[in-house]
Amino acid sequence: MVAIAIQTPGGSRRTFERVHMQETSLWGIATVIGPIVLLVLFIFVILRNRTSSRASKDLTERATKANYEAEDRAHKDDAA
C-alpha cells in the first residue's frame, strides 16, 4: 500500500492509503464471479432435487399411509 499525506487548508495533515491495482482488480473479479458461482450452484441444486425416482415417491406414500393408520388406531384406542 502507498500512503499519501495531504496538507489541508486549516494546517492539519491527513493520510490516505491507496490500494494497489492488483488487489483492487482481484476484489472486482471476486465480486463478479462469486454471484455467478452461487447462481450456478443454486440452479444445480434445484434441478437435482426436482426429480425424484418413482421408488422414492412410493416409499414416501407408503410411510405416510402407515403413519396415518397408526394415528387413527391410537385415537380409536383413546376413545374406547
C-alpha atoms as a PDB file:
ATOM      1  CA  MET A   1       0.000   0.000   0.000  1.00  0.00           C
ATOM      2  CA  VAL A   2       1.057   3.555  -0.654  1.00  0.00           C
ATOM      3  CA  ALA A   3       0.324   6.228   1.928  1.00  0.00           C
ATOM      4  CA  ILE A   4      -0.417   9.749   0.714  1.00  0.00           C
ATOM      5  CA  ALA A   5      -0.184  12.698   3.127  1.00  0.00           C
ATOM      6  CA  ILE A   6      -2.196  15.818   2.257  1.00  0.00           C
ATOM      7  CA  GLN A   7      -1.959  19.204   3.949  1.00  0.00           C
ATOM      8  CA  THR A   8      -5.427  20.709   4.410  1.00  0.00           C
ATOM      9  CA  PRO A   9      -6.041  24.482   4.232  1.00  0.00           C
ATOM     10  CA  GLY A  10      -6.521  24.570   8.014  1.00  0.00           C
ATOM     11  CA  GLY A  11      -2.973  23.330   8.530  1.00  0.00           C
ATOM     12  CA  SER A  12      -3.740  19.731   9.601  1.00  0.00           C
ATOM     13  CA  ARG A  13      -2.372  16.713   7.801  1.00  0.00           C
ATOM     14  CA  ARG A  14      -4.470  13.822   6.557  1.00  0.00           C
ATOM     15  CA  THR A  15      -3.105  10.472   5.478  1.00  0.00           C
ATOM     16  CA  PHE A  16      -4.858   8.352   2.857  1.00  0.00           C
ATOM     17  CA  GLU A  17      -3.890   4.824   1.876  1.00  0.00           C
ATOM     18  CA  ARG A  18      -4.040   3.823  -1.738  1.00  0.00           C
ATOM     19  CA  VAL A  19      -4.640   0.170  -2.534  1.00  0.00           C
ATOM     20  CA  HIS A  20      -2.507  -1.452  -5.189  1.00  0.00           C
ATOM     21  CA  MET A  21      -4.183  -2.033  -8.549  1.00  0.00           C
ATOM     22  CA  GLN A  22      -3.648  -5.787  -8.241  1.00  0.00           C
ATOM     23  CA  GLU A  23      -5.636  -6.038  -5.004  1.00  0.00           C
ATOM     24  CA  THR A  24      -8.459  -3.939  -6.436  1.00  0.00           C
ATOM     25  CA  SER A  25      -8.771  -5.994  -9.609  1.00  0.00           C
ATOM     26  CA  LEU A  26      -8.794  -9.246  -7.621  1.00  0.00           C
ATOM     27  CA  TRP A  27     -11.626  -7.918  -5.462  1.00  0.00           C
ATOM     28  CA  GLY A  28     -13.551  -6.891  -8.580  1.00  0.00           C
ATOM     29  CA  ILE A  29     -13.151 -10.341 -10.103  1.00  0.00           C
ATOM     30  CA  ALA A  30     -14.370 -11.982  -6.884  1.00  0.00           C
ATOM     31  CA  THR A  31     -17.345  -9.615  -6.787  1.00  0.00           C
ATOM     32  CA  VAL A  32     -18.400 -10.611 -10.304  1.00  0.00           C
ATOM     33  CA  ILE A  33     -17.545 -14.328 -10.274  1.00  0.00           C
ATOM     34  CA  GLY A  34     -18.862 -15.034  -6.745  1.00  0.00           C
ATOM     35  CA  PRO A  35     -22.541 -14.403  -7.518  1.00  0.00           C
ATOM     36  CA  ILE A  36     -22.237 -16.294 -10.805  1.00  0.00           C
ATOM     37  CA  VAL A  37     -20.893 -19.359  -8.990  1.00  0.00           C
ATOM     38  CA  LEU A  38     -23.671 -19.120  -6.400  1.00  0.00           C
ATOM     39  CA  LEU A  39     -26.296 -18.867  -9.153  1.00  0.00           C
ATOM     40  CA  VAL A  40     -24.922 -21.945 -10.926  1.00  0.00           C
ATOM     41  CA  LEU A  41     -24.922 -23.920  -7.658  1.00  0.00           C
ATOM     42  CA  PHE A  42     -28.457 -22.758  -6.864  1.00  0.00           C
ATOM     43  CA  ILE A  43     -29.734 -23.908 -10.277  1.00  0.00           C
ATOM     44  CA  PHE A  44     -27.911 -27.240  -9.911  1.00  0.00           C
ATOM     45  CA  VAL A  45     -29.491 -27.908  -6.507  1.00  0.00           C
ATOM     46  CA  ILE A  46     -32.978 -27.030  -7.732  1.00  0.00           C
ATOM     47  CA  LEU A  47     -32.697 -29.263 -10.795  1.00  0.00           C
ATOM     48  CA  ARG A  48     -31.218 -32.129  -8.796  1.00  0.00           C
ATOM     49  CA  ASN A  49     -33.898 -32.061  -6.104  1.00  0.00           C
ATOM     50  CA  ARG A  50     -36.784 -31.617  -8.523  1.00  0.00           C
ATOM     51  CA  THR A  51     -36.513 -35.096  -9.972  1.00  0.00           C
ATOM     52  CA  SER A  52     -37.134 -37.957  -7.586  1.00  0.00           C
ATOM     53  CA  SER A  53     -37.440 -41.580  -8.533  1.00  0.00           C
ATOM     54  CA  ARG A  54     -40.736 -43.443  -8.618  1.00  0.00           C
ATOM     55  CA  ALA A  55     -39.472 -45.832  -5.930  1.00  0.00           C
ATOM     56  CA  SER A  56     -38.736 -42.896  -3.638  1.00  0.00           C
ATOM     57  CA  LYS A  57     -42.241 -41.486  -4.141  1.00  0.00           C
ATOM     58  CA  ASP A  58     -43.817 -44.895  -3.499  1.00  0.00           C
ATOM     59  CA  LEU A  59     -41.830 -45.327  -0.287  1.00  0.00           C
ATOM     60  CA  THR A  60     -42.939 -41.900   0.920  1.00  0.00           C
ATOM     61  CA  GLU A  61     -46.582 -42.641   0.140  1.00  0.00           C
ATOM     62  CA  ARG A  62     -46.488 -45.991   1.979  1.00  0.00           C
ATOM     63  CA  ALA A  63     -44.820 -44.459   5.030  1.00  0.00           C
ATOM     64  CA  THR A  64     -47.364 -41.642   5.121  1.00  0.00           C
ATOM     65  CA  LYS A  65     -50.263 -44.086   4.888  1.00  0.00           C
ATOM     66  CA  ALA A  66     -48.755 -46.214   7.689  1.00  0.00           C
ATOM     67  CA  ASN A  67     -48.371 -43.142   9.910  1.00  0.00           C
ATOM     68  CA  TYR A  68     -51.989 -42.101   9.321  1.00  0.00           C
ATOM     69  CA  GLU A  69     -53.231 -45.611  10.106  1.00  0.00           C
ATOM     70  CA  ALA A  70     -51.166 -45.744  13.314  1.00  0.00           C
ATOM     71  CA  GLU A  71     -52.537 -42.372  14.378  1.00  0.00           C
ATOM     72  CA  ASP A  72     -56.113 -43.486  13.658  1.00  0.00           C
ATOM     73  CA  ARG A  73     -55.600 -46.659  15.754  1.00  0.00           C
ATOM     74  CA  ALA A  74     -54.198 -44.599  18.621  1.00  0.00           C
ATOM     75  CA  HIS A  75     -57.199 -42.282  18.594  1.00  0.00           C
ATOM     76  CA  LYS A  76     -59.648 -45.196  18.485  1.00  0.00           C
ATOM     77  CA  ASP A  77     -57.911 -46.778  21.488  1.00  0.00           C
ATOM     78  CA  ASP A  78     -58.145 -43.467  23.407  1.00  0.00           C
ATOM     79  CA  ALA A  79     -61.858 -43.133  22.630  1.00  0.00           C
ATOM     80  CA  ALA A  80     -62.690 -46.668  23.781  1.00  0.00           C
END
